[in-house]
């Protein structure tokens, strides 16, 4: 079966855009077998607890929660492990009200039971980081937004879970230079890849992301079952080539998804009509140097 990404453009709002993309997905693919009777973790992106532009919009999040609830899961958990204060972010961005209306439980992944997961430093030496057990044991839905990034060029659905599930303050352990961080995200994705990926790009972020960048009125929404394909299309729509993004290349090499645009069917809107060029982070040229040195290359194996 072809890998499909469902694209709504132009979106009429955060909620409306996400609902339309999810509707396209539901019309073509079976989600009941994924969600019914399961514990589902819905993971927004709250890298900041105070700047709304850097965080998943509550309206997009509520659209996803309502959609998932329609498939009668056993349990829905709205969970995040912010680099700042998770519950402060939830209060500031309206997530607590959204969770109450949707019947979702709220969980600070930073306070969840931890499972040690191996990553590597820049010399290829193993390091352990604590990862939230709930993220490992649930059906995972990533609700992200398109942002430029200060170390990995772009961030969307895959990184939102792979890094977001590492407990504070250990998230910074993966920052071992451009080659190692891209490798570590791919290795983490082997255990934390989303089962359902949603990107609300009604407004994205360009420039000094993932926190301090400027808004982009992009008016796109993406949904799909292959989060790598979602991120590849998202990167392309932001004006980048997926093969420029190291962790996408590595994760595809691990056999976890598709980033070849020729192998991805885009349903719902014309890809070229929705593309615009985001201004990259000022460290962009350095970020392109993510190729693995000998001490790291042997660690990337399916």
C-alpha atoms as a PDB file:
ATOM      1  CA  UNK A   1       0.000   0.000   0.000  1.00  0.00           C
ATOM      2  CA  UNK A   2       1.247   3.481  -0.830  1.00  0.00           C
ATOM      3  CA  UNK A   3       2.331   5.702   2.017  1.00  0.00           C
ATOM      4  CA  UNK A   4      -0.202   8.514   2.270  1.00  0.00           C
ATOM      5  CA  UNK A   5      -0.065  11.938   3.838  1.00  0.00           C
ATOM      6  CA  UNK A   6      -3.293  13.894   4.192  1.00  0.00           C
ATOM      7  CA  UNK A   7      -2.941  17.614   3.571  1.00  0.00           C
ATOM      8  CA  UNK A   8      -5.478  20.362   4.145  1.00  0.00           C
ATOM      9  CA  UNK A   9      -4.674  23.752   2.589  1.00  0.00           C
ATOM     10  CA  UNK A  10      -5.592  26.526   3.016  1.00  0.00           C
ATOM     11  CA  UNK A  11      -6.772  25.972   6.572  1.00  0.00           C
ATOM     12  CA  UNK A  12      -9.524  28.137   8.017  1.00  0.00           C
ATOM     13  CA  UNK A  13      -8.256  27.867  11.588  1.00  0.00           C
ATOM     14  CA  UNK A  14      -6.358  25.551  13.920  1.00  0.00           C
ATOM     15  CA  UNK A  15      -9.346  23.344  14.741  1.00  0.00           C
ATOM     16  CA  UNK A  16     -10.887  23.382  11.291  1.00  0.00           C
ATOM     17  CA  UNK A  17      -7.626  22.566   9.532  1.00  0.00           C
ATOM     18  CA  UNK A  18      -6.786  19.624  11.769  1.00  0.00           C
ATOM     19  CA  UNK A  19     -10.327  18.268  11.615  1.00  0.00           C
ATOM     20  CA  UNK A  20     -10.250  18.399   7.824  1.00  0.00           C
ATOM     21  CA  UNK A  21      -6.893  16.584   7.615  1.00  0.00           C
ATOM     22  CA  UNK A  22      -8.069  13.908  10.060  1.00  0.00           C
ATOM     23  CA  UNK A  23     -11.299  13.536   8.100  1.00  0.00           C
ATOM     24  CA  UNK A  24      -9.311  12.814   4.952  1.00  0.00           C
ATOM     25  CA  UNK A  25      -7.314  10.202   6.861  1.00  0.00           C
ATOM     26  CA  UNK A  26     -10.374   8.532   8.384  1.00  0.00           C
ATOM     27  CA  UNK A  27     -12.036   8.255   4.978  1.00  0.00           C
ATOM     28  CA  UNK A  28      -9.138   6.265   3.528  1.00  0.00           C
ATOM     29  CA  UNK A  29      -7.598   4.261   6.375  1.00  0.00           C
ATOM     30  CA  UNK A  30      -8.737   2.012   9.235  1.00  0.00           C
ATOM     31  CA  UNK A  31      -8.066   3.690  12.565  1.00  0.00           C
ATOM     32  CA  UNK A  32     -10.412   1.565  14.647  1.00  0.00           C
ATOM     33  CA  UNK A  33      -7.854  -1.258  14.783  1.00  0.00           C
ATOM     34  CA  UNK A  34      -5.267   1.221  16.054  1.00  0.00           C
ATOM     35  CA  UNK A  35      -7.305   3.081  18.670  1.00  0.00           C
ATOM     36  CA  UNK A  36     -10.323   1.091  19.868  1.00  0.00           C
ATOM     37  CA  UNK A  37      -9.862  -0.280  23.398  1.00  0.00           C
ATOM     38  CA  UNK A  38      -6.311   1.072  23.641  1.00  0.00           C
ATOM     39  CA  UNK A  39      -4.477   3.438  25.949  1.00  0.00           C
ATOM     40  CA  UNK A  40      -3.660   6.450  23.790  1.00  0.00           C
ATOM     41  CA  UNK A  41      -1.103   9.092  24.685  1.00  0.00           C
ATOM     42  CA  UNK A  42      -1.736  12.405  22.948  1.00  0.00           C
ATOM     43  CA  UNK A  43       1.497  14.419  23.016  1.00  0.00           C
ATOM     44  CA  UNK A  44       1.427  18.154  22.223  1.00  0.00           C
ATOM     45  CA  UNK A  45       4.570  20.222  21.808  1.00  0.00           C
ATOM     46  CA  UNK A  46       5.211  22.539  24.769  1.00  0.00           C
ATOM     47  CA  UNK A  47       8.899  23.350  24.572  1.00  0.00           C
ATOM     48  CA  UNK A  48       7.904  26.684  26.123  1.00  0.00           C
ATOM     49  CA  UNK A  49       5.423  27.175  28.952  1.00  0.00           C
ATOM     50  CA  UNK A  50       4.826  30.838  28.144  1.00  0.00           C
ATOM     51  CA  UNK A  51       5.049  31.488  24.383  1.00  0.00           C
ATOM     52  CA  UNK A  52       1.971  30.265  22.522  1.00  0.00           C
ATOM     53  CA  UNK A  53       3.674  30.411  19.118  1.00  0.00           C
ATOM     54  CA  UNK A  54       6.153  27.745  20.273  1.00  0.00           C
ATOM     55  CA  UNK A  55       3.418  25.379  21.499  1.00  0.00           C
ATOM     56  CA  UNK A  56       0.629  23.296  19.999  1.00  0.00           C
ATOM     57  CA  UNK A  57      -2.542  25.374  19.823  1.00  0.00           C
ATOM     58  CA  UNK A  58      -5.345  24.252  22.138  1.00  0.00           C
ATOM     59  CA  UNK A  59      -7.875  24.218  19.298  1.00  0.00           C
ATOM     60  CA  UNK A  60      -5.749  21.815  17.251  1.00  0.00           C
ATOM     61  CA  UNK A  61      -5.212  19.648  20.317  1.00  0.00           C
ATOM     62  CA  UNK A  62      -8.926  19.517  21.083  1.00  0.00           C
ATOM     63  CA  UNK A  63      -9.701  18.481  17.500  1.00  0.00           C
ATOM     64  CA  UNK A  64      -7.335  15.524  17.872  1.00  0.00           C
ATOM     65  CA  UNK A  65      -8.681  14.515  21.288  1.00  0.00           C
ATOM     66  CA  UNK A  66     -12.273  14.592  20.023  1.00  0.00           C
ATOM     67  CA  UNK A  67     -11.309  12.586  16.961  1.00  0.00           C
ATOM     68  CA  UNK A  68      -9.562   9.889  19.009  1.00  0.00           C
ATOM     69  CA  UNK A  69     -12.417   9.730  21.532  1.00  0.00           C
ATOM     70  CA  UNK A  70     -14.744   8.837  18.656  1.00  0.00           C
ATOM     71  CA  UNK A  71     -12.919   5.497  18.294  1.00  0.00           C
ATOM     72  CA  UNK A  72     -13.707   4.433  21.884  1.00  0.00           C
ATOM     73  CA  UNK A  73     -10.204   3.991  23.319  1.00  0.00           C
ATOM     74  CA  UNK A  74      -9.867   2.517  26.784  1.00  0.00           C
ATOM     75  CA  UNK A  75      -8.058   5.581  28.055  1.00  0.00           C
ATOM     76  CA  UNK A  76      -6.834   8.915  26.645  1.00  0.00           C
ATOM     77  CA  UNK A  77      -3.862  10.592  28.291  1.00  0.00           C
ATOM     78  CA  UNK A  78      -2.865  14.141  27.451  1.00  0.00           C
ATOM     79  CA  UNK A  79       0.814  14.012  28.295  1.00  0.00           C
ATOM     80  CA  UNK A  80       3.867  16.201  27.878  1.00  0.00           C
ATOM     81  CA  UNK A  81       7.297  16.496  29.454  1.00  0.00           C
ATOM     82  CA  UNK A  82       8.125  20.137  28.890  1.00  0.00           C
ATOM     83  CA  UNK A  83      11.665  21.449  29.084  1.00  0.00           C
ATOM     84  CA  UNK A  84      10.136  24.116  31.330  1.00  0.00           C
ATOM     85  CA  UNK A  85       7.059  23.604  33.574  1.00  0.00           C
ATOM     86  CA  UNK A  86       4.554  21.183  32.033  1.00  0.00           C
ATOM     87  CA  UNK A  87       1.531  22.022  34.155  1.00  0.00           C
ATOM     88  CA  UNK A  88       2.205  25.738  33.874  1.00  0.00           C
ATOM     89  CA  UNK A  89       2.179  25.302  30.096  1.00  0.00           C
ATOM     90  CA  UNK A  90      -1.072  23.346  30.295  1.00  0.00           C
ATOM     91  CA  UNK A  91      -2.668  26.135  32.326  1.00  0.00           C
ATOM     92  CA  UNK A  92      -1.314  28.954  30.167  1.00  0.00           C
ATOM     93  CA  UNK A  93      -2.336  27.414  26.848  1.00  0.00           C
ATOM     94  CA  UNK A  94      -5.810  26.184  27.883  1.00  0.00           C
ATOM     95  CA  UNK A  95      -4.987  22.484  27.794  1.00  0.00           C
ATOM     96  CA  UNK A  96      -6.593  21.707  31.169  1.00  0.00           C
ATOM     97  CA  UNK A  97      -9.975  22.908  29.937  1.00  0.00           C
ATOM     98  CA  UNK A  98      -9.513  20.977  26.706  1.00  0.00           C
ATOM     99  CA  UNK A  99      -8.690  17.797  28.647  1.00  0.00           C
ATOM    100  CA  UNK A 100     -11.754  18.209  30.856  1.00  0.00           C
ATOM    101  CA  UNK A 101     -14.076  18.698  27.899  1.00  0.00           C
ATOM    102  CA  UNK A 102     -12.546  15.717  26.088  1.00  0.00           C
ATOM    103  CA  UNK A 103     -12.472  13.340  29.059  1.00  0.00           C
ATOM    104  CA  UNK A 104      -8.681  12.996  28.860  1.00  0.00           C
ATOM    105  CA  UNK A 105      -6.395  12.435  31.817  1.00  0.00           C
ATOM    106  CA  UNK A 106      -3.494  14.847  32.277  1.00  0.00           C
ATOM    107  CA  UNK A 107       0.046  13.583  32.844  1.00  0.00           C
ATOM    108  CA  UNK A 108       3.358  15.381  33.300  1.00  0.00           C
ATOM    109  CA  UNK A 109       5.713  12.922  31.622  1.00  0.00           C
ATOM    110  CA  UNK A 110       8.554  14.381  33.692  1.00  0.00           C
ATOM    111  CA  UNK A 111       6.873  12.835  36.759  1.00  0.00           C
ATOM    112  CA  UNK A 112       6.011   9.491  35.164  1.00  0.00           C
ATOM    113  CA  UNK A 113       7.778   6.254  35.996  1.00  0.00           C
ATOM    114  CA  UNK A 114      11.061   6.188  34.109  1.00  0.00           C
ATOM    115  CA  UNK A 115      12.677   3.612  31.840  1.00  0.00           C
ATOM    116  CA  UNK A 116      16.394   4.024  31.047  1.00  0.00           C
ATOM    117  CA  UNK A 117      17.090   4.229  27.304  1.00  0.00           C
ATOM    118  CA  UNK A 118      20.541   4.291  25.738  1.00  0.00           C
ATOM    119  CA  UNK A 119      21.777   7.195  23.653  1.00  0.00           C
ATOM    120  CA  UNK A 120      25.353   8.151  22.723  1.00  0.00           C
ATOM    121  CA  UNK A 121      27.691  11.077  23.250  1.00  0.00           C
ATOM    122  CA  UNK A 122      29.796  12.612  20.497  1.00  0.00           C
ATOM    123  CA  UNK A 123      32.557  10.006  21.002  1.00  0.00           C
ATOM    124  CA  UNK A 124      30.101   7.128  20.639  1.00  0.00           C
ATOM    125  CA  UNK A 125      30.047   6.312  24.343  1.00  0.00           C
ATOM    126  CA  UNK A 126      26.679   5.093  25.682  1.00  0.00           C
ATOM    127  CA  UNK A 127      24.665   7.279  28.019  1.00  0.00           C
ATOM    128  CA  UNK A 128      21.370   6.489  29.734  1.00  0.00           C
ATOM    129  CA  UNK A 129      18.436   8.894  29.771  1.00  0.00           C
ATOM    130  CA  UNK A 130      15.134   8.402  31.636  1.00  0.00           C
ATOM    131  CA  UNK A 131      12.149   8.077  29.305  1.00  0.00           C
ATOM    132  CA  UNK A 132       8.527   8.235  30.477  1.00  0.00           C
ATOM    133  CA  UNK A 133       7.133   4.710  30.672  1.00  0.00           C
ATOM    134  CA  UNK A 134       3.673   5.817  29.532  1.00  0.00           C
ATOM    135  CA  UNK A 135       5.146   7.034  26.257  1.00  0.00           C
ATOM    136  CA  UNK A 136       6.718   3.628  25.664  1.00  0.00           C
ATOM    137  CA  UNK A 137       3.601   1.645  26.576  1.00  0.00           C
ATOM    138  CA  UNK A 138       0.850   3.595  24.774  1.00  0.00           C
ATOM    139  CA  UNK A 139      -0.482   4.115  21.309  1.00  0.00           C
ATOM    140  CA  UNK A 140       1.203   7.443  20.578  1.00  0.00           C
ATOM    141  CA  UNK A 141      -0.348  10.447  18.834  1.00  0.00           C
ATOM    142  CA  UNK A 142       1.959  13.394  18.163  1.00  0.00           C
ATOM    143  CA  UNK A 143       0.291  16.799  17.759  1.00  0.00           C
ATOM    144  CA  UNK A 144       3.038  19.140  16.643  1.00  0.00           C
ATOM    145  CA  UNK A 145       3.583  22.305  14.643  1.00  0.00           C
ATOM    146  CA  UNK A 146       6.156  23.131  11.943  1.00  0.00           C
ATOM    147  CA  UNK A 147       9.123  25.015  13.367  1.00  0.00           C
ATOM    148  CA  UNK A 148      12.675  25.692  12.346  1.00  0.00           C
ATOM    149  CA  UNK A 149      15.206  24.457  14.880  1.00  0.00           C
ATOM    150  CA  UNK A 150      18.547  25.483  16.339  1.00  0.00           C
ATOM    151  CA  UNK A 151      20.242  22.081  15.932  1.00  0.00           C
ATOM    152  CA  UNK A 152      18.258  19.809  13.554  1.00  0.00           C
ATOM    153  CA  UNK A 153      16.893  22.285  10.940  1.00  0.00           C
ATOM    154  CA  UNK A 154      13.195  21.452  11.403  1.00  0.00           C
ATOM    155  CA  UNK A 155      11.040  19.895  14.095  1.00  0.00           C
ATOM    156  CA  UNK A 156       7.574  18.384  13.779  1.00  0.00           C
ATOM    157  CA  UNK A 157       5.945  15.034  14.649  1.00  0.00           C
ATOM    158  CA  UNK A 158       8.881  12.633  15.160  1.00  0.00           C
ATOM    159  CA  UNK A 159      11.096  14.809  17.329  1.00  0.00           C
ATOM    160  CA  UNK A 160       8.110  15.921  19.399  1.00  0.00           C
ATOM    161  CA  UNK A 161       7.846  12.421  20.864  1.00  0.00           C
ATOM    162  CA  UNK A 162      11.413  11.170  20.610  1.00  0.00           C
ATOM    163  CA  UNK A 163      12.808  14.055  22.647  1.00  0.00           C
ATOM    164  CA  UNK A 164       9.650  15.087  24.486  1.00  0.00           C
ATOM    165  CA  UNK A 165       9.447  11.755  26.292  1.00  0.00           C
ATOM    166  CA  UNK A 166      12.907  12.196  27.853  1.00  0.00           C
ATOM    167  CA  UNK A 167      12.439  13.442  31.362  1.00  0.00           C
ATOM    168  CA  UNK A 168      13.678  16.797  32.541  1.00  0.00           C
ATOM    169  CA  UNK A 169      16.490  17.799  33.055  1.00  0.00           C
ATOM    170  CA  UNK A 170      18.038  14.993  30.997  1.00  0.00           C
ATOM    171  CA  UNK A 171      16.749  16.192  27.603  1.00  0.00           C
ATOM    172  CA  UNK A 172      19.944  18.202  27.226  1.00  0.00           C
ATOM    173  CA  UNK A 173      21.974  14.978  27.296  1.00  0.00           C
ATOM    174  CA  UNK A 174      21.152  14.371  23.632  1.00  0.00           C
ATOM    175  CA  UNK A 175      22.788  17.667  22.662  1.00  0.00           C
ATOM    176  CA  UNK A 176      26.186  16.243  21.736  1.00  0.00           C
ATOM    177  CA  UNK A 177      26.799  18.152  18.531  1.00  0.00           C
ATOM    178  CA  UNK A 178      24.986  17.977  15.194  1.00  0.00           C
ATOM    179  CA  UNK A 179      25.926  14.387  14.215  1.00  0.00           C
ATOM    180  CA  UNK A 180      25.128  12.864  17.612  1.00  0.00           C
ATOM    181  CA  UNK A 181      21.798  14.620  18.183  1.00  0.00           C
ATOM    182  CA  UNK A 182      20.496  13.528  14.780  1.00  0.00           C
ATOM    183  CA  UNK A 183      21.632   9.973  15.492  1.00  0.00           C
ATOM    184  CA  UNK A 184      20.076   9.976  18.953  1.00  0.00           C
ATOM    185  CA  UNK A 185      16.686  11.177  17.730  1.00  0.00           C
ATOM    186  CA  UNK A 186      16.634   8.301  15.228  1.00  0.00           C
ATOM    187  CA  UNK A 187      17.626   5.769  17.879  1.00  0.00           C
ATOM    188  CA  UNK A 188      14.972   7.077  20.268  1.00  0.00           C
ATOM    189  CA  UNK A 189      12.410   6.881  17.458  1.00  0.00           C
ATOM    190  CA  UNK A 190      12.865   3.100  17.333  1.00  0.00           C
ATOM    191  CA  UNK A 191      10.911   2.999  20.604  1.00  0.00           C
ATOM    192  CA  UNK A 192       8.956   6.264  20.481  1.00  0.00           C
ATOM    193  CA  UNK A 193       7.775   6.666  16.910  1.00  0.00           C
ATOM    194  CA  UNK A 194       4.219   8.069  16.807  1.00  0.00           C
ATOM    195  CA  UNK A 195       1.462   5.769  15.586  1.00  0.00           C
ATOM    196  CA  UNK A 196      -0.579   8.787  14.502  1.00  0.00           C
ATOM    197  CA  UNK A 197       1.004  12.085  13.447  1.00  0.00           C
ATOM    198  CA  UNK A 198      -0.732  15.437  13.186  1.00  0.00           C
ATOM    199  CA  UNK A 199       0.922  18.750  12.312  1.00  0.00           C
ATOM    200  CA  UNK A 200      -1.037  21.973  12.746  1.00  0.00           C
ATOM    201  CA  UNK A 201       0.642  24.490  10.477  1.00  0.00           C
ATOM    202  CA  UNK A 202      -2.091  27.099  10.440  1.00  0.00           C
ATOM    203  CA  UNK A 203       0.713  29.202  11.911  1.00  0.00           C
ATOM    204  CA  UNK A 204       4.285  27.898  11.870  1.00  0.00           C
ATOM    205  CA  UNK A 205       7.591  29.284  13.135  1.00  0.00           C
ATOM    206  CA  UNK A 206      10.610  30.413  11.135  1.00  0.00           C
ATOM    207  CA  UNK A 207      13.997  31.806  12.065  1.00  0.00           C
ATOM    208  CA  UNK A 208      15.217  31.247  15.609  1.00  0.00           C
ATOM    209  CA  UNK A 209      13.008  28.275  16.471  1.00  0.00           C
ATOM    210  CA  UNK A 210      11.992  26.221  18.288  1.00  0.00           C
ATOM    211  CA  UNK A 211      11.074  28.964  20.818  1.00  0.00           C
ATOM    212  CA  UNK A 212      12.099  32.438  19.705  1.00  0.00           C
ATOM    213  CA  UNK A 213      11.256  32.441  16.002  1.00  0.00           C
ATOM    214  CA  UNK A 214       8.737  34.495  14.045  1.00  0.00           C
ATOM    215  CA  UNK A 215       5.234  33.435  12.945  1.00  0.00           C
ATOM    216  CA  UNK A 216       4.494  32.124   9.464  1.00  0.00           C
ATOM    217  CA  UNK A 217       0.858  32.158   8.343  1.00  0.00           C
ATOM    218  CA  UNK A 218       1.262  28.904   6.433  1.00  0.00           C
ATOM    219  CA  UNK A 219      -2.316  27.601   6.685  1.00  0.00           C
ATOM    220  CA  UNK A 220      -1.576  23.890   6.359  1.00  0.00           C
ATOM    221  CA  UNK A 221      -2.575  20.821   8.379  1.00  0.00           C
ATOM    222  CA  UNK A 222      -1.144  17.322   7.964  1.00  0.00           C
ATOM    223  CA  UNK A 223      -2.237  13.933   9.275  1.00  0.00           C
ATOM    224  CA  UNK A 224      -1.133  10.367   8.684  1.00  0.00           C
ATOM    225  CA  UNK A 225       0.012   7.004   9.983  1.00  0.00           C
ATOM    226  CA  UNK A 226       3.645   7.312   8.819  1.00  0.00           C
ATOM    227  CA  UNK A 227       5.224  10.072  10.935  1.00  0.00           C
ATOM    228  CA  UNK A 228       8.406  10.077   8.865  1.00  0.00           C
ATOM    229  CA  UNK A 229       6.386  10.734   5.721  1.00  0.00           C
ATOM    230  CA  UNK A 230       4.508  13.478   7.570  1.00  0.00           C
ATOM    231  CA  UNK A 231       7.785  15.121   8.599  1.00  0.00           C
ATOM    232  CA  UNK A 232       9.290  14.716   5.136  1.00  0.00           C
ATOM    233  CA  UNK A 233       6.307  16.438   3.539  1.00  0.00           C
ATOM    234  CA  UNK A 234       6.290  19.049   6.300  1.00  0.00           C
ATOM    235  CA  UNK A 235       9.974  19.836   5.737  1.00  0.00           C
ATOM    236  CA  UNK A 236       9.360  20.152   2.007  1.00  0.00           C
ATOM    237  CA  UNK A 237       6.397  22.461   2.560  1.00  0.00           C
ATOM    238  CA  UNK A 238       8.677  24.624   4.725  1.00  0.00           C
ATOM    239  CA  UNK A 239      11.112  24.981   1.825  1.00  0.00           C
ATOM    240  CA  UNK A 240      13.650  22.335   2.876  1.00  0.00           C
ATOM    241  CA  UNK A 241      14.529  18.971   1.344  1.00  0.00           C
ATOM    242  CA  UNK A 242      13.886  15.993   3.646  1.00  0.00           C
ATOM    243  CA  UNK A 243      17.360  14.672   2.882  1.00  0.00           C
ATOM    244  CA  UNK A 244      18.819  17.793   4.501  1.00  0.00           C
ATOM    245  CA  UNK A 245      17.444  16.696   7.887  1.00  0.00           C
ATOM    246  CA  UNK A 246      19.776  14.174   9.466  1.00  0.00           C
ATOM    247  CA  UNK A 247      17.403  12.444  11.844  1.00  0.00           C
ATOM    248  CA  UNK A 248      14.874  11.897   9.063  1.00  0.00           C
ATOM    249  CA  UNK A 249      17.547  10.272   6.899  1.00  0.00           C
ATOM    250  CA  UNK A 250      18.757   8.100   9.793  1.00  0.00           C
ATOM    251  CA  UNK A 251      15.260   7.065  10.882  1.00  0.00           C
ATOM    252  CA  UNK A 252      14.387   6.081   7.322  1.00  0.00           C
ATOM    253  CA  UNK A 253      17.605   4.055   7.130  1.00  0.00           C
ATOM    254  CA  UNK A 254      16.394   2.170  10.203  1.00  0.00           C
ATOM    255  CA  UNK A 255      13.334   1.149   8.176  1.00  0.00           C
ATOM    256  CA  UNK A 256      10.878   3.123  10.297  1.00  0.00           C
ATOM    257  CA  UNK A 257       9.167   5.085   7.548  1.00  0.00           C
ATOM    258  CA  UNK A 258       9.356   6.807   4.188  1.00  0.00           C
ATOM    259  CA  UNK A 259      11.010  10.121   3.311  1.00  0.00           C
ATOM    260  CA  UNK A 260      11.287   9.715  -0.472  1.00  0.00           C
ATOM    261  CA  UNK A 261       8.722  12.190  -1.795  1.00  0.00           C
ATOM    262  CA  UNK A 262       8.265  10.096  -4.933  1.00  0.00           C
ATOM    263  CA  UNK A 263       6.967   7.250  -2.750  1.00  0.00           C
ATOM    264  CA  UNK A 264       4.485   9.369  -0.771  1.00  0.00           C
ATOM    265  CA  UNK A 265       0.948   9.996  -2.009  1.00  0.00           C
ATOM    266  CA  UNK A 266      -0.362  13.375  -0.884  1.00  0.00           C
ATOM    267  CA  UNK A 267      -4.150  13.386  -0.548  1.00  0.00           C
ATOM    268  CA  UNK A 268      -6.355  16.458  -0.225  1.00  0.00           C
ATOM    269  CA  UNK A 269      -4.378  19.418  -1.580  1.00  0.00           C
ATOM    270  CA  UNK A 270      -1.712  20.119  -4.162  1.00  0.00           C
ATOM    271  CA  UNK A 271       1.760  19.949  -2.632  1.00  0.00           C
ATOM    272  CA  UNK A 272       3.340  22.752  -4.651  1.00  0.00           C
ATOM    273  CA  UNK A 273       0.444  25.085  -3.993  1.00  0.00           C
ATOM    274  CA  UNK A 274       1.012  24.766  -0.247  1.00  0.00           C
ATOM    275  CA  UNK A 275       4.797  25.215  -0.220  1.00  0.00           C
ATOM    276  CA  UNK A 276       6.500  28.312   1.121  1.00  0.00           C
ATOM    277  CA  UNK A 277      10.064  28.995   2.142  1.00  0.00           C
ATOM    278  CA  UNK A 278      10.685  29.414   5.868  1.00  0.00           C
ATOM    279  CA  UNK A 279      13.659  31.492   6.949  1.00  0.00           C
ATOM    280  CA  UNK A 280      16.023  28.954   8.571  1.00  0.00           C
ATOM    281  CA  UNK A 281      17.675  29.303  11.941  1.00  0.00           C
ATOM    282  CA  UNK A 282      20.811  31.467  11.854  1.00  0.00           C
ATOM    283  CA  UNK A 283      22.909  28.347  12.592  1.00  0.00           C
ATOM    284  CA  UNK A 284      21.443  26.543   9.560  1.00  0.00           C
ATOM    285  CA  UNK A 285      24.686  26.174   7.604  1.00  0.00           C
ATOM    286  CA  UNK A 286      26.377  24.492  10.553  1.00  0.00           C
ATOM    287  CA  UNK A 287      23.402  22.211  11.103  1.00  0.00           C
ATOM    288  CA  UNK A 288      23.881  20.719   7.648  1.00  0.00           C
ATOM    289  CA  UNK A 289      27.046  18.993   8.925  1.00  0.00           C
ATOM    290  CA  UNK A 290      25.297  16.043  10.548  1.00  0.00           C
ATOM    291  CA  UNK A 291      27.079  13.218   8.689  1.00  0.00           C
ATOM    292  CA  UNK A 292      28.179  10.550  11.140  1.00  0.00           C
ATOM    293  CA  UNK A 293      31.895  10.258  11.917  1.00  0.00           C
ATOM    294  CA  UNK A 294      33.426   6.754  12.237  1.00  0.00           C
ATOM    295  CA  UNK A 295      32.886   6.653  16.011  1.00  0.00           C
ATOM    296  CA  UNK A 296      29.111   7.058  15.491  1.00  0.00           C
ATOM    297  CA  UNK A 297      28.370   5.476  12.105  1.00  0.00           C
ATOM    298  CA  UNK A 298      28.503   1.920  13.406  1.00  0.00           C
ATOM    299  CA  UNK A 299      25.725   2.669  15.909  1.00  0.00           C
ATOM    300  CA  UNK A 300      23.089   3.121  13.181  1.00  0.00           C
ATOM    301  CA  UNK A 301      21.847  -0.327  12.308  1.00  0.00           C
ATOM    302  CA  UNK A 302      18.299  -1.655  11.808  1.00  0.00           C
END
